[in-house]
């Protein structure tokens, strides 16, 4: 069925009616046929330039409102120095950088930020911020999305983060991210970035208030975006961890989704996407043990080492993993680990 192409109805039926083991086995066989047994990941560091954000998303445990005592803004020089240290000490090849909707920032801040990183660590690829940040700062500065993206590209930005996608369906976004851009706007900004030569990832935050049809629709829209632009590099399902979030405090989401649901989400992603994109097993959101299982359910990338990650860890996720640890996760699933760069070129088989 997957080989001839699923439609939305097929995919929803599979998610609802087929047991997770059967779905995983089918997705794994399909992945083996399309990609073989190599599992990739990048050696990267995550640096949040600020945690000051006015979006007030009820899914987020990371942000602080302006004036909060725990709010911060890193200087471009500080970020550049951190990246240089991680590159020298741990060999990172990618900076994943994002923050929040900080109303005090000027366009020059990002010019200086990206230039500082390139000056201190010229071989490190800069990936980020998110589509949602592009939209916010474009509105704040009276610029178009394309103007913001082109300016960031010219200052040193190499790729765009896939964050902020959440679930594209409006009825879900009204609950989980009511003050962010719509799902359609996220896709439109991605199209602008891709036309400017800036590739991106795509994410999906699941395990909160969505239903199966929302998951399926989101993945199909990612596939359609890839067919249109070819600018996506990786699809990353991200499990929602409710700890310390407003949704948890209000009793809307009381616990993480079961691991059987994680398996189904990853499996249906592979069955829908086919060979269009790799699917990530995001160990930081599901845990390292389950990540290994997801490599037997359709995933074939472990995303990255994610040194210094703070957003998911503020909601209870575990911290970073070394290159050796990620390689071990792949081997545990009987896969062949390979270190890649941001653009999925193999750097070394491990």
C-alpha atoms as a PDB file:
ATOM      1  CA  UNK A   1       0.000   0.000   0.000  1.00  0.00           C
ATOM      2  CA  UNK A   2       2.775   2.448   0.948  1.00  0.00           C
ATOM      3  CA  UNK A   3       4.779   1.611  -2.175  1.00  0.00           C
ATOM      4  CA  UNK A   4       1.887   2.605  -4.435  1.00  0.00           C
ATOM      5  CA  UNK A   5       1.225   5.720  -2.369  1.00  0.00           C
ATOM      6  CA  UNK A   6      -1.001   6.269   0.660  1.00  0.00           C
ATOM      7  CA  UNK A   7      -3.772   8.830   0.694  1.00  0.00           C
ATOM      8  CA  UNK A   8      -4.862  10.613   3.844  1.00  0.00           C
ATOM      9  CA  UNK A   9      -7.715   8.187   4.463  1.00  0.00           C
ATOM     10  CA  UNK A  10      -5.435   5.156   4.188  1.00  0.00           C
ATOM     11  CA  UNK A  11      -2.945   6.686   6.605  1.00  0.00           C
ATOM     12  CA  UNK A  12      -5.560   7.600   9.224  1.00  0.00           C
ATOM     13  CA  UNK A  13      -6.972   4.065   9.020  1.00  0.00           C
ATOM     14  CA  UNK A  14      -3.512   2.555   9.530  1.00  0.00           C
ATOM     15  CA  UNK A  15      -2.797   4.735  12.544  1.00  0.00           C
ATOM     16  CA  UNK A  16      -6.128   3.981  14.198  1.00  0.00           C
ATOM     17  CA  UNK A  17      -6.745   0.356  13.331  1.00  0.00           C
ATOM     18  CA  UNK A  18      -3.412  -1.406  12.782  1.00  0.00           C
ATOM     19  CA  UNK A  19      -1.375  -2.478  15.804  1.00  0.00           C
ATOM     20  CA  UNK A  20       1.886  -0.667  16.397  1.00  0.00           C
ATOM     21  CA  UNK A  21       4.048  -3.753  15.897  1.00  0.00           C
ATOM     22  CA  UNK A  22       2.675  -4.474  12.421  1.00  0.00           C
ATOM     23  CA  UNK A  23       2.919  -0.811  11.448  1.00  0.00           C
ATOM     24  CA  UNK A  24       6.517  -0.639  12.683  1.00  0.00           C
ATOM     25  CA  UNK A  25       7.518  -3.779  10.820  1.00  0.00           C
ATOM     26  CA  UNK A  26       6.053  -2.480   7.553  1.00  0.00           C
ATOM     27  CA  UNK A  27       7.767   0.892   7.977  1.00  0.00           C
ATOM     28  CA  UNK A  28      11.082  -0.740   8.818  1.00  0.00           C
ATOM     29  CA  UNK A  29      11.007  -2.970   5.753  1.00  0.00           C
ATOM     30  CA  UNK A  30      10.136   0.051   3.615  1.00  0.00           C
ATOM     31  CA  UNK A  31      13.019   2.039   5.109  1.00  0.00           C
ATOM     32  CA  UNK A  32      15.457  -0.810   4.485  1.00  0.00           C
ATOM     33  CA  UNK A  33      14.329  -0.981   0.864  1.00  0.00           C
ATOM     34  CA  UNK A  34      14.659   2.779   0.321  1.00  0.00           C
ATOM     35  CA  UNK A  35      17.691   3.700   2.425  1.00  0.00           C
ATOM     36  CA  UNK A  36      19.435   0.528   3.542  1.00  0.00           C
ATOM     37  CA  UNK A  37      20.677   0.097   7.115  1.00  0.00           C
ATOM     38  CA  UNK A  38      22.732   3.278   7.585  1.00  0.00           C
ATOM     39  CA  UNK A  39      21.616   5.624  10.383  1.00  0.00           C
ATOM     40  CA  UNK A  40      23.010   9.155  10.328  1.00  0.00           C
ATOM     41  CA  UNK A  41      23.360  12.104  12.702  1.00  0.00           C
ATOM     42  CA  UNK A  42      25.239  15.396  12.980  1.00  0.00           C
ATOM     43  CA  UNK A  43      27.626  16.508  15.726  1.00  0.00           C
ATOM     44  CA  UNK A  44      26.040  19.787  16.794  1.00  0.00           C
ATOM     45  CA  UNK A  45      25.671  22.306  19.575  1.00  0.00           C
ATOM     46  CA  UNK A  46      22.470  24.130  20.507  1.00  0.00           C
ATOM     47  CA  UNK A  47      22.692  27.737  21.655  1.00  0.00           C
ATOM     48  CA  UNK A  48      19.654  29.822  22.515  1.00  0.00           C
ATOM     49  CA  UNK A  49      20.450  33.474  21.922  1.00  0.00           C
ATOM     50  CA  UNK A  50      17.628  34.521  24.256  1.00  0.00           C
ATOM     51  CA  UNK A  51      14.876  33.004  26.383  1.00  0.00           C
ATOM     52  CA  UNK A  52      12.872  36.232  26.436  1.00  0.00           C
ATOM     53  CA  UNK A  53       9.699  35.601  24.460  1.00  0.00           C
ATOM     54  CA  UNK A  54       6.264  37.214  24.237  1.00  0.00           C
ATOM     55  CA  UNK A  55       4.578  34.315  22.387  1.00  0.00           C
ATOM     56  CA  UNK A  56       3.506  32.726  25.703  1.00  0.00           C
ATOM     57  CA  UNK A  57       2.963  29.277  24.156  1.00  0.00           C
ATOM     58  CA  UNK A  58       1.291  26.935  26.685  1.00  0.00           C
ATOM     59  CA  UNK A  59       3.473  24.069  25.388  1.00  0.00           C
ATOM     60  CA  UNK A  60       6.724  25.808  26.354  1.00  0.00           C
ATOM     61  CA  UNK A  61       8.606  25.573  29.647  1.00  0.00           C
ATOM     62  CA  UNK A  62      11.620  27.515  28.354  1.00  0.00           C
ATOM     63  CA  UNK A  63      10.483  31.087  27.792  1.00  0.00           C
ATOM     64  CA  UNK A  64      10.578  34.009  30.209  1.00  0.00           C
ATOM     65  CA  UNK A  65       8.571  37.194  29.707  1.00  0.00           C
ATOM     66  CA  UNK A  66      10.333  40.566  29.461  1.00  0.00           C
ATOM     67  CA  UNK A  67      11.365  41.765  32.909  1.00  0.00           C
ATOM     68  CA  UNK A  68      11.616  38.262  34.407  1.00  0.00           C
ATOM     69  CA  UNK A  69      14.673  37.772  36.571  1.00  0.00           C
ATOM     70  CA  UNK A  70      15.697  34.632  34.686  1.00  0.00           C
ATOM     71  CA  UNK A  71      15.490  36.239  31.262  1.00  0.00           C
ATOM     72  CA  UNK A  72      18.696  36.581  29.268  1.00  0.00           C
ATOM     73  CA  UNK A  73      20.140  37.720  25.947  1.00  0.00           C
ATOM     74  CA  UNK A  74      23.513  36.390  24.866  1.00  0.00           C
ATOM     75  CA  UNK A  75      25.882  38.788  23.142  1.00  0.00           C
ATOM     76  CA  UNK A  76      27.074  37.837  19.641  1.00  0.00           C
ATOM     77  CA  UNK A  77      30.612  37.579  21.029  1.00  0.00           C
ATOM     78  CA  UNK A  78      29.464  35.121  23.723  1.00  0.00           C
ATOM     79  CA  UNK A  79      27.738  32.902  21.173  1.00  0.00           C
ATOM     80  CA  UNK A  80      30.739  32.998  18.869  1.00  0.00           C
ATOM     81  CA  UNK A  81      33.093  32.038  21.696  1.00  0.00           C
ATOM     82  CA  UNK A  82      30.844  29.157  22.776  1.00  0.00           C
ATOM     83  CA  UNK A  83      30.673  27.769  19.253  1.00  0.00           C
ATOM     84  CA  UNK A  84      34.447  28.031  18.880  1.00  0.00           C
ATOM     85  CA  UNK A  85      34.944  26.120  22.142  1.00  0.00           C
ATOM     86  CA  UNK A  86      32.530  23.330  21.186  1.00  0.00           C
ATOM     87  CA  UNK A  87      34.134  23.054  17.751  1.00  0.00           C
ATOM     88  CA  UNK A  88      37.633  22.751  19.203  1.00  0.00           C
ATOM     89  CA  UNK A  89      36.801  20.502  22.152  1.00  0.00           C
ATOM     90  CA  UNK A  90      34.064  18.267  20.713  1.00  0.00           C
ATOM     91  CA  UNK A  91      34.398  18.675  16.962  1.00  0.00           C
ATOM     92  CA  UNK A  92      30.901  20.026  16.319  1.00  0.00           C
ATOM     93  CA  UNK A  93      30.173  20.940  12.715  1.00  0.00           C
ATOM     94  CA  UNK A  94      26.763  22.577  13.226  1.00  0.00           C
ATOM     95  CA  UNK A  95      25.330  25.346  15.387  1.00  0.00           C
ATOM     96  CA  UNK A  96      21.600  25.010  15.982  1.00  0.00           C
ATOM     97  CA  UNK A  97      20.586  28.498  17.116  1.00  0.00           C
ATOM     98  CA  UNK A  98      17.177  29.812  18.078  1.00  0.00           C
ATOM     99  CA  UNK A  99      15.499  31.780  20.816  1.00  0.00           C
ATOM    100  CA  UNK A 100      12.178  33.521  21.276  1.00  0.00           C
ATOM    101  CA  UNK A 101      10.139  36.510  20.235  1.00  0.00           C
ATOM    102  CA  UNK A 102      12.296  39.143  21.917  1.00  0.00           C
ATOM    103  CA  UNK A 103      10.743  42.592  21.295  1.00  0.00           C
ATOM    104  CA  UNK A 104      13.981  44.419  22.153  1.00  0.00           C
ATOM    105  CA  UNK A 105      16.111  43.031  19.320  1.00  0.00           C
ATOM    106  CA  UNK A 106      17.136  45.038  16.257  1.00  0.00           C
ATOM    107  CA  UNK A 107      18.128  43.617  12.845  1.00  0.00           C
ATOM    108  CA  UNK A 108      21.768  44.438  13.583  1.00  0.00           C
ATOM    109  CA  UNK A 109      21.816  41.959  16.466  1.00  0.00           C
ATOM    110  CA  UNK A 110      21.457  38.991  14.107  1.00  0.00           C
ATOM    111  CA  UNK A 111      23.939  40.481  11.620  1.00  0.00           C
ATOM    112  CA  UNK A 112      26.498  40.605  14.407  1.00  0.00           C
ATOM    113  CA  UNK A 113      25.497  37.206  15.805  1.00  0.00           C
ATOM    114  CA  UNK A 114      25.977  35.243  12.582  1.00  0.00           C
ATOM    115  CA  UNK A 115      29.140  37.150  11.648  1.00  0.00           C
ATOM    116  CA  UNK A 116      30.628  36.522  15.098  1.00  0.00           C
ATOM    117  CA  UNK A 117      30.069  32.769  14.736  1.00  0.00           C
ATOM    118  CA  UNK A 118      31.589  32.678  11.260  1.00  0.00           C
ATOM    119  CA  UNK A 119      34.582  34.671  12.462  1.00  0.00           C
ATOM    120  CA  UNK A 120      35.275  32.411  15.446  1.00  0.00           C
ATOM    121  CA  UNK A 121      34.271  29.093  13.830  1.00  0.00           C
ATOM    122  CA  UNK A 122      34.207  29.529  10.034  1.00  0.00           C
ATOM    123  CA  UNK A 123      33.708  25.821   9.287  1.00  0.00           C
ATOM    124  CA  UNK A 124      30.640  25.446  11.514  1.00  0.00           C
ATOM    125  CA  UNK A 125      27.299  25.521   9.693  1.00  0.00           C
ATOM    126  CA  UNK A 126      24.707  27.881  11.195  1.00  0.00           C
ATOM    127  CA  UNK A 127      21.181  26.425  11.266  1.00  0.00           C
ATOM    128  CA  UNK A 128      18.265  28.422  12.653  1.00  0.00           C
ATOM    129  CA  UNK A 129      16.219  30.368  13.742  1.00  0.00           C
ATOM    130  CA  UNK A 130      12.705  29.002  13.086  1.00  0.00           C
ATOM    131  CA  UNK A 131      10.045  30.062  10.583  1.00  0.00           C
ATOM    132  CA  UNK A 132       8.075  31.507  13.499  1.00  0.00           C
ATOM    133  CA  UNK A 133      11.004  33.728  14.472  1.00  0.00           C
ATOM    134  CA  UNK A 134      11.335  34.897  10.866  1.00  0.00           C
ATOM    135  CA  UNK A 135       7.683  35.961  10.893  1.00  0.00           C
ATOM    136  CA  UNK A 136       7.895  37.679  14.278  1.00  0.00           C
ATOM    137  CA  UNK A 137      11.007  39.710  13.508  1.00  0.00           C
ATOM    138  CA  UNK A 138       9.776  40.596  10.027  1.00  0.00           C
ATOM    139  CA  UNK A 139       6.669  42.139  11.588  1.00  0.00           C
ATOM    140  CA  UNK A 140       8.656  43.797  14.380  1.00  0.00           C
ATOM    141  CA  UNK A 141      11.086  45.412  11.938  1.00  0.00           C
ATOM    142  CA  UNK A 142       8.605  46.233   9.170  1.00  0.00           C
ATOM    143  CA  UNK A 143      10.303  43.884   6.713  1.00  0.00           C
ATOM    144  CA  UNK A 144       9.140  41.026   4.484  1.00  0.00           C
ATOM    145  CA  UNK A 145       9.976  37.407   5.274  1.00  0.00           C
ATOM    146  CA  UNK A 146      12.269  37.346   2.259  1.00  0.00           C
ATOM    147  CA  UNK A 147      14.099  40.483   3.378  1.00  0.00           C
ATOM    148  CA  UNK A 148      14.768  39.012   6.817  1.00  0.00           C
ATOM    149  CA  UNK A 149      15.920  35.685   5.400  1.00  0.00           C
ATOM    150  CA  UNK A 150      18.141  37.257   2.740  1.00  0.00           C
ATOM    151  CA  UNK A 151      19.737  39.512   5.342  1.00  0.00           C
ATOM    152  CA  UNK A 152      20.410  36.562   7.648  1.00  0.00           C
ATOM    153  CA  UNK A 153      21.784  34.503   4.753  1.00  0.00           C
ATOM    154  CA  UNK A 154      24.131  37.296   3.768  1.00  0.00           C
ATOM    155  CA  UNK A 155      25.337  37.568   7.387  1.00  0.00           C
ATOM    156  CA  UNK A 156      26.202  33.861   7.519  1.00  0.00           C
ATOM    157  CA  UNK A 157      23.032  31.807   8.055  1.00  0.00           C
ATOM    158  CA  UNK A 158      23.300  28.490   6.176  1.00  0.00           C
ATOM    159  CA  UNK A 159      20.019  26.713   6.946  1.00  0.00           C
ATOM    160  CA  UNK A 160      16.732  27.249   8.772  1.00  0.00           C
ATOM    161  CA  UNK A 161      15.557  25.263  11.769  1.00  0.00           C
ATOM    162  CA  UNK A 162      12.410  23.206  11.363  1.00  0.00           C
ATOM    163  CA  UNK A 163      10.965  24.276  14.712  1.00  0.00           C
ATOM    164  CA  UNK A 164       7.710  26.126  15.292  1.00  0.00           C
ATOM    165  CA  UNK A 165       5.777  23.833  12.958  1.00  0.00           C
ATOM    166  CA  UNK A 166       3.964  22.178  15.911  1.00  0.00           C
ATOM    167  CA  UNK A 167       0.895  20.669  14.190  1.00  0.00           C
ATOM    168  CA  UNK A 168      -0.298  22.548  11.119  1.00  0.00           C
ATOM    169  CA  UNK A 169      -4.044  22.172  11.836  1.00  0.00           C
ATOM    170  CA  UNK A 170      -5.597  25.453  13.008  1.00  0.00           C
ATOM    171  CA  UNK A 171      -7.783  23.797  15.661  1.00  0.00           C
ATOM    172  CA  UNK A 172      -4.680  22.345  17.309  1.00  0.00           C
ATOM    173  CA  UNK A 173      -2.616  25.531  17.019  1.00  0.00           C
ATOM    174  CA  UNK A 174      -5.348  27.493  18.783  1.00  0.00           C
ATOM    175  CA  UNK A 175      -4.601  25.359  21.856  1.00  0.00           C
ATOM    176  CA  UNK A 176      -0.843  24.788  21.715  1.00  0.00           C
ATOM    177  CA  UNK A 177       0.523  27.959  20.062  1.00  0.00           C
ATOM    178  CA  UNK A 178      -2.285  30.525  19.794  1.00  0.00           C
ATOM    179  CA  UNK A 179      -0.006  33.536  19.229  1.00  0.00           C
ATOM    180  CA  UNK A 180       2.292  32.029  16.610  1.00  0.00           C
ATOM    181  CA  UNK A 181       1.959  31.941  12.848  1.00  0.00           C
ATOM    182  CA  UNK A 182      -0.492  29.577  11.193  1.00  0.00           C
ATOM    183  CA  UNK A 183       0.578  26.274   9.729  1.00  0.00           C
ATOM    184  CA  UNK A 184       0.038  27.682   6.247  1.00  0.00           C
ATOM    185  CA  UNK A 185       2.320  30.630   7.020  1.00  0.00           C
ATOM    186  CA  UNK A 186       5.014  28.254   8.273  1.00  0.00           C
ATOM    187  CA  UNK A 187       4.896  26.464   4.929  1.00  0.00           C
ATOM    188  CA  UNK A 188       4.941  29.739   2.999  1.00  0.00           C
ATOM    189  CA  UNK A 189       8.017  30.964   4.885  1.00  0.00           C
ATOM    190  CA  UNK A 190       9.739  27.648   4.212  1.00  0.00           C
ATOM    191  CA  UNK A 191       9.020  28.125   0.506  1.00  0.00           C
ATOM    192  CA  UNK A 192      10.555  31.614   0.606  1.00  0.00           C
ATOM    193  CA  UNK A 193      13.654  30.281   2.384  1.00  0.00           C
ATOM    194  CA  UNK A 194      14.079  27.441  -0.082  1.00  0.00           C
ATOM    195  CA  UNK A 195      13.778  29.828  -3.047  1.00  0.00           C
ATOM    196  CA  UNK A 196      16.543  31.925  -1.482  1.00  0.00           C
ATOM    197  CA  UNK A 197      18.776  28.860  -1.332  1.00  0.00           C
ATOM    198  CA  UNK A 198      18.305  28.308   2.410  1.00  0.00           C
ATOM    199  CA  UNK A 199      17.345  24.669   3.104  1.00  0.00           C
ATOM    200  CA  UNK A 200      15.485  23.650   6.243  1.00  0.00           C
ATOM    201  CA  UNK A 201      14.286  20.804   8.375  1.00  0.00           C
ATOM    202  CA  UNK A 202      10.628  20.232   9.215  1.00  0.00           C
ATOM    203  CA  UNK A 203       9.360  19.184  12.625  1.00  0.00           C
ATOM    204  CA  UNK A 204       6.066  18.019  14.093  1.00  0.00           C
ATOM    205  CA  UNK A 205       5.294  18.351  17.800  1.00  0.00           C
ATOM    206  CA  UNK A 206       2.941  15.521  18.760  1.00  0.00           C
ATOM    207  CA  UNK A 207       1.519  13.933  21.881  1.00  0.00           C
ATOM    208  CA  UNK A 208      -0.662  16.752  23.230  1.00  0.00           C
ATOM    209  CA  UNK A 209      -4.204  17.464  21.953  1.00  0.00           C
ATOM    210  CA  UNK A 210      -3.960  16.287  18.333  1.00  0.00           C
ATOM    211  CA  UNK A 211      -5.845  13.419  16.706  1.00  0.00           C
ATOM    212  CA  UNK A 212      -4.586  10.939  14.134  1.00  0.00           C
ATOM    213  CA  UNK A 213      -5.975  12.931  11.219  1.00  0.00           C
ATOM    214  CA  UNK A 214      -3.974  15.986  12.336  1.00  0.00           C
ATOM    215  CA  UNK A 215      -0.740  13.971  12.368  1.00  0.00           C
ATOM    216  CA  UNK A 216      -1.461  12.519   8.954  1.00  0.00           C
ATOM    217  CA  UNK A 217      -2.374  15.886   7.427  1.00  0.00           C
ATOM    218  CA  UNK A 218       0.797  17.475   8.835  1.00  0.00           C
ATOM    219  CA  UNK A 219       3.038  14.810   7.327  1.00  0.00           C
ATOM    220  CA  UNK A 220       1.297  15.002   3.953  1.00  0.00           C
ATOM    221  CA  UNK A 221       1.803  18.766   3.898  1.00  0.00           C
ATOM    222  CA  UNK A 222       5.492  18.274   4.647  1.00  0.00           C
ATOM    223  CA  UNK A 223       5.676  15.806   1.762  1.00  0.00           C
ATOM    224  CA  UNK A 224       3.895  18.256  -0.555  1.00  0.00           C
ATOM    225  CA  UNK A 225       6.310  21.015   0.459  1.00  0.00           C
ATOM    226  CA  UNK A 226       9.265  18.775  -0.365  1.00  0.00           C
ATOM    227  CA  UNK A 227       7.778  17.857  -3.726  1.00  0.00           C
ATOM    228  CA  UNK A 228       7.325  21.555  -4.490  1.00  0.00           C
ATOM    229  CA  UNK A 229      10.697  22.950  -3.376  1.00  0.00           C
ATOM    230  CA  UNK A 230      13.091  20.081  -2.631  1.00  0.00           C
ATOM    231  CA  UNK A 231      14.471  22.267   0.146  1.00  0.00           C
ATOM    232  CA  UNK A 232      13.812  20.026   3.151  1.00  0.00           C
ATOM    233  CA  UNK A 233      16.646  17.988   4.639  1.00  0.00           C
ATOM    234  CA  UNK A 234      15.006  15.981   7.445  1.00  0.00           C
ATOM    235  CA  UNK A 235      11.596  15.369   9.027  1.00  0.00           C
ATOM    236  CA  UNK A 236      11.732  15.280  12.827  1.00  0.00           C
ATOM    237  CA  UNK A 237       8.745  14.130  14.903  1.00  0.00           C
ATOM    238  CA  UNK A 238       9.203  15.716  18.349  1.00  0.00           C
ATOM    239  CA  UNK A 239       7.407  14.226  21.346  1.00  0.00           C
ATOM    240  CA  UNK A 240       5.732  16.731  23.658  1.00  0.00           C
ATOM    241  CA  UNK A 241       6.960  16.619  27.251  1.00  0.00           C
ATOM    242  CA  UNK A 242       4.320  18.386  29.372  1.00  0.00           C
ATOM    243  CA  UNK A 243       6.370  18.897  32.553  1.00  0.00           C
ATOM    244  CA  UNK A 244       6.542  22.570  33.622  1.00  0.00           C
ATOM    245  CA  UNK A 245       4.224  23.722  30.831  1.00  0.00           C
ATOM    246  CA  UNK A 246       0.943  25.605  31.053  1.00  0.00           C
ATOM    247  CA  UNK A 247      -0.907  22.743  29.359  1.00  0.00           C
ATOM    248  CA  UNK A 248       0.215  20.482  32.195  1.00  0.00           C
ATOM    249  CA  UNK A 249      -0.646  23.021  34.884  1.00  0.00           C
ATOM    250  CA  UNK A 250      -4.156  23.391  33.439  1.00  0.00           C
ATOM    251  CA  UNK A 251      -4.611  19.612  33.298  1.00  0.00           C
ATOM    252  CA  UNK A 252      -5.009  19.585  29.514  1.00  0.00           C
ATOM    253  CA  UNK A 253      -2.067  17.188  29.056  1.00  0.00           C
ATOM    254  CA  UNK A 254      -1.230  15.258  32.213  1.00  0.00           C
ATOM    255  CA  UNK A 255       1.421  12.836  30.940  1.00  0.00           C
ATOM    256  CA  UNK A 256       3.544  12.115  27.869  1.00  0.00           C
ATOM    257  CA  UNK A 257       1.997  10.021  25.116  1.00  0.00           C
ATOM    258  CA  UNK A 258       2.635   6.251  25.383  1.00  0.00           C
ATOM    259  CA  UNK A 259       5.612   4.796  23.556  1.00  0.00           C
ATOM    260  CA  UNK A 260       3.292   2.771  21.319  1.00  0.00           C
ATOM    261  CA  UNK A 261       2.013   6.079  19.933  1.00  0.00           C
ATOM    262  CA  UNK A 262       5.593   7.243  19.317  1.00  0.00           C
ATOM    263  CA  UNK A 263       6.151   4.128  17.232  1.00  0.00           C
ATOM    264  CA  UNK A 264       2.971   4.714  15.237  1.00  0.00           C
ATOM    265  CA  UNK A 265       3.838   8.355  14.532  1.00  0.00           C
ATOM    266  CA  UNK A 266       7.295   7.500  13.206  1.00  0.00           C
ATOM    267  CA  UNK A 267       6.027   4.513  11.225  1.00  0.00           C
ATOM    268  CA  UNK A 268       3.229   6.429   9.529  1.00  0.00           C
ATOM    269  CA  UNK A 269       5.687   9.218   8.721  1.00  0.00           C
ATOM    270  CA  UNK A 270       7.860   6.750   6.813  1.00  0.00           C
ATOM    271  CA  UNK A 271       4.895   5.140   5.056  1.00  0.00           C
ATOM    272  CA  UNK A 272       3.645   8.561   3.914  1.00  0.00           C
ATOM    273  CA  UNK A 273       6.987  10.151   3.057  1.00  0.00           C
ATOM    274  CA  UNK A 274       8.525   7.132   1.372  1.00  0.00           C
ATOM    275  CA  UNK A 275      11.935   8.070   0.061  1.00  0.00           C
ATOM    276  CA  UNK A 276      11.234  11.820  -0.007  1.00  0.00           C
ATOM    277  CA  UNK A 277      12.922  12.489   3.351  1.00  0.00           C
ATOM    278  CA  UNK A 278      14.779  10.821   6.162  1.00  0.00           C
ATOM    279  CA  UNK A 279      12.768  10.527   9.379  1.00  0.00           C
ATOM    280  CA  UNK A 280      14.415  11.418  12.666  1.00  0.00           C
ATOM    281  CA  UNK A 281      14.312   9.408  15.877  1.00  0.00           C
ATOM    282  CA  UNK A 282      14.638  12.389  18.186  1.00  0.00           C
ATOM    283  CA  UNK A 283      16.249  10.740  21.208  1.00  0.00           C
ATOM    284  CA  UNK A 284      16.119  13.991  23.198  1.00  0.00           C
ATOM    285  CA  UNK A 285      12.319  13.935  23.261  1.00  0.00           C
ATOM    286  CA  UNK A 286      11.673  10.180  23.464  1.00  0.00           C
ATOM    287  CA  UNK A 287      14.734   8.963  25.371  1.00  0.00           C
ATOM    288  CA  UNK A 288      17.709   7.013  24.109  1.00  0.00           C
ATOM    289  CA  UNK A 289      16.221   3.538  24.597  1.00  0.00           C
ATOM    290  CA  UNK A 290      13.072   4.284  22.632  1.00  0.00           C
ATOM    291  CA  UNK A 291      15.101   6.050  19.945  1.00  0.00           C
ATOM    292  CA  UNK A 292      16.792   2.736  19.215  1.00  0.00           C
ATOM    293  CA  UNK A 293      13.379   1.103  18.849  1.00  0.00           C
ATOM    294  CA  UNK A 294      12.227   3.842  16.471  1.00  0.00           C
ATOM    295  CA  UNK A 295      15.130   2.917  14.191  1.00  0.00           C
ATOM    296  CA  UNK A 296      13.220  -0.336  13.707  1.00  0.00           C
ATOM    297  CA  UNK A 297       9.980   1.536  12.960  1.00  0.00           C
ATOM    298  CA  UNK A 298      10.855   3.787  10.028  1.00  0.00           C
ATOM    299  CA  UNK A 299      13.366   6.295  11.404  1.00  0.00           C
ATOM    300  CA  UNK A 300      16.871   6.431   9.925  1.00  0.00           C
ATOM    301  CA  UNK A 301      18.470   9.528  11.460  1.00  0.00           C
ATOM    302  CA  UNK A 302      19.260  10.361  15.102  1.00  0.00           C
ATOM    303  CA  UNK A 303      19.199  14.136  14.477  1.00  0.00           C
ATOM    304  CA  UNK A 304      22.273  15.231  16.434  1.00  0.00           C
ATOM    305  CA  UNK A 305      24.331  15.252  19.606  1.00  0.00           C
ATOM    306  CA  UNK A 306      22.490  18.416  20.677  1.00  0.00           C
ATOM    307  CA  UNK A 307      25.129  19.604  23.125  1.00  0.00           C
ATOM    308  CA  UNK A 308      23.838  22.379  25.402  1.00  0.00           C
ATOM    309  CA  UNK A 309      20.133  21.953  24.459  1.00  0.00           C
ATOM    310  CA  UNK A 310      17.849  23.886  26.818  1.00  0.00           C
ATOM    311  CA  UNK A 311      14.284  24.040  25.440  1.00  0.00           C
ATOM    312  CA  UNK A 312      13.295  20.362  25.750  1.00  0.00           C
ATOM    313  CA  UNK A 313      15.461  19.875  28.817  1.00  0.00           C
ATOM    314  CA  UNK A 314      13.447  22.602  30.572  1.00  0.00           C
ATOM    315  CA  UNK A 315      10.444  20.298  30.131  1.00  0.00           C
ATOM    316  CA  UNK A 316      12.211  17.280  31.587  1.00  0.00           C
ATOM    317  CA  UNK A 317      14.099  15.814  28.627  1.00  0.00           C
ATOM    318  CA  UNK A 318      17.563  14.359  29.052  1.00  0.00           C
ATOM    319  CA  UNK A 319      20.615  16.363  28.052  1.00  0.00           C
ATOM    320  CA  UNK A 320      23.126  15.831  25.249  1.00  0.00           C
ATOM    321  CA  UNK A 321      24.615  12.650  23.816  1.00  0.00           C
ATOM    322  CA  UNK A 322      28.118  12.106  22.502  1.00  0.00           C
ATOM    323  CA  UNK A 323      28.938  10.856  19.023  1.00  0.00           C
ATOM    324  CA  UNK A 324      29.843   7.506  20.591  1.00  0.00           C
ATOM    325  CA  UNK A 325      26.509   7.271  22.421  1.00  0.00           C
ATOM    326  CA  UNK A 326      24.491   7.936  19.273  1.00  0.00           C
ATOM    327  CA  UNK A 327      26.557   5.403  17.351  1.00  0.00           C
ATOM    328  CA  UNK A 328      25.792   2.860  20.094  1.00  0.00           C
ATOM    329  CA  UNK A 329      22.041   3.581  19.797  1.00  0.00           C
ATOM    330  CA  UNK A 330      22.237   2.814  16.081  1.00  0.00           C
ATOM    331  CA  UNK A 331      24.243  -0.367  16.604  1.00  0.00           C
ATOM    332  CA  UNK A 332      21.786  -1.546  19.267  1.00  0.00           C
ATOM    333  CA  UNK A 333      19.143  -1.555  16.530  1.00  0.00           C
ATOM    334  CA  UNK A 334      21.450  -3.479  14.191  1.00  0.00           C
ATOM    335  CA  UNK A 335      22.167  -0.392  12.090  1.00  0.00           C
ATOM    336  CA  UNK A 336      25.388   1.082  10.717  1.00  0.00           C
ATOM    337  CA  UNK A 337      26.009   4.535  12.235  1.00  0.00           C
ATOM    338  CA  UNK A 338      27.427   7.358  10.139  1.00  0.00           C
ATOM    339  CA  UNK A 339      28.375  10.899  11.058  1.00  0.00           C
ATOM    340  CA  UNK A 340      26.941  13.433   8.596  1.00  0.00           C
ATOM    341  CA  UNK A 341      27.040  17.175   8.100  1.00  0.00           C
ATOM    342  CA  UNK A 342      23.972  19.439   8.153  1.00  0.00           C
ATOM    343  CA  UNK A 343      23.296  18.745   4.480  1.00  0.00           C
ATOM    344  CA  UNK A 344      23.422  14.948   4.939  1.00  0.00           C
ATOM    345  CA  UNK A 345      26.803  14.387   3.351  1.00  0.00           C
ATOM    346  CA  UNK A 346      28.529  11.469   5.100  1.00  0.00           C
ATOM    347  CA  UNK A 347      31.666  12.536   6.991  1.00  0.00           C
ATOM    348  CA  UNK A 348      32.577   9.187   8.541  1.00  0.00           C
ATOM    349  CA  UNK A 349      31.207   5.694   9.026  1.00  0.00           C
ATOM    350  CA  UNK A 350      31.523   4.791  12.696  1.00  0.00           C
END
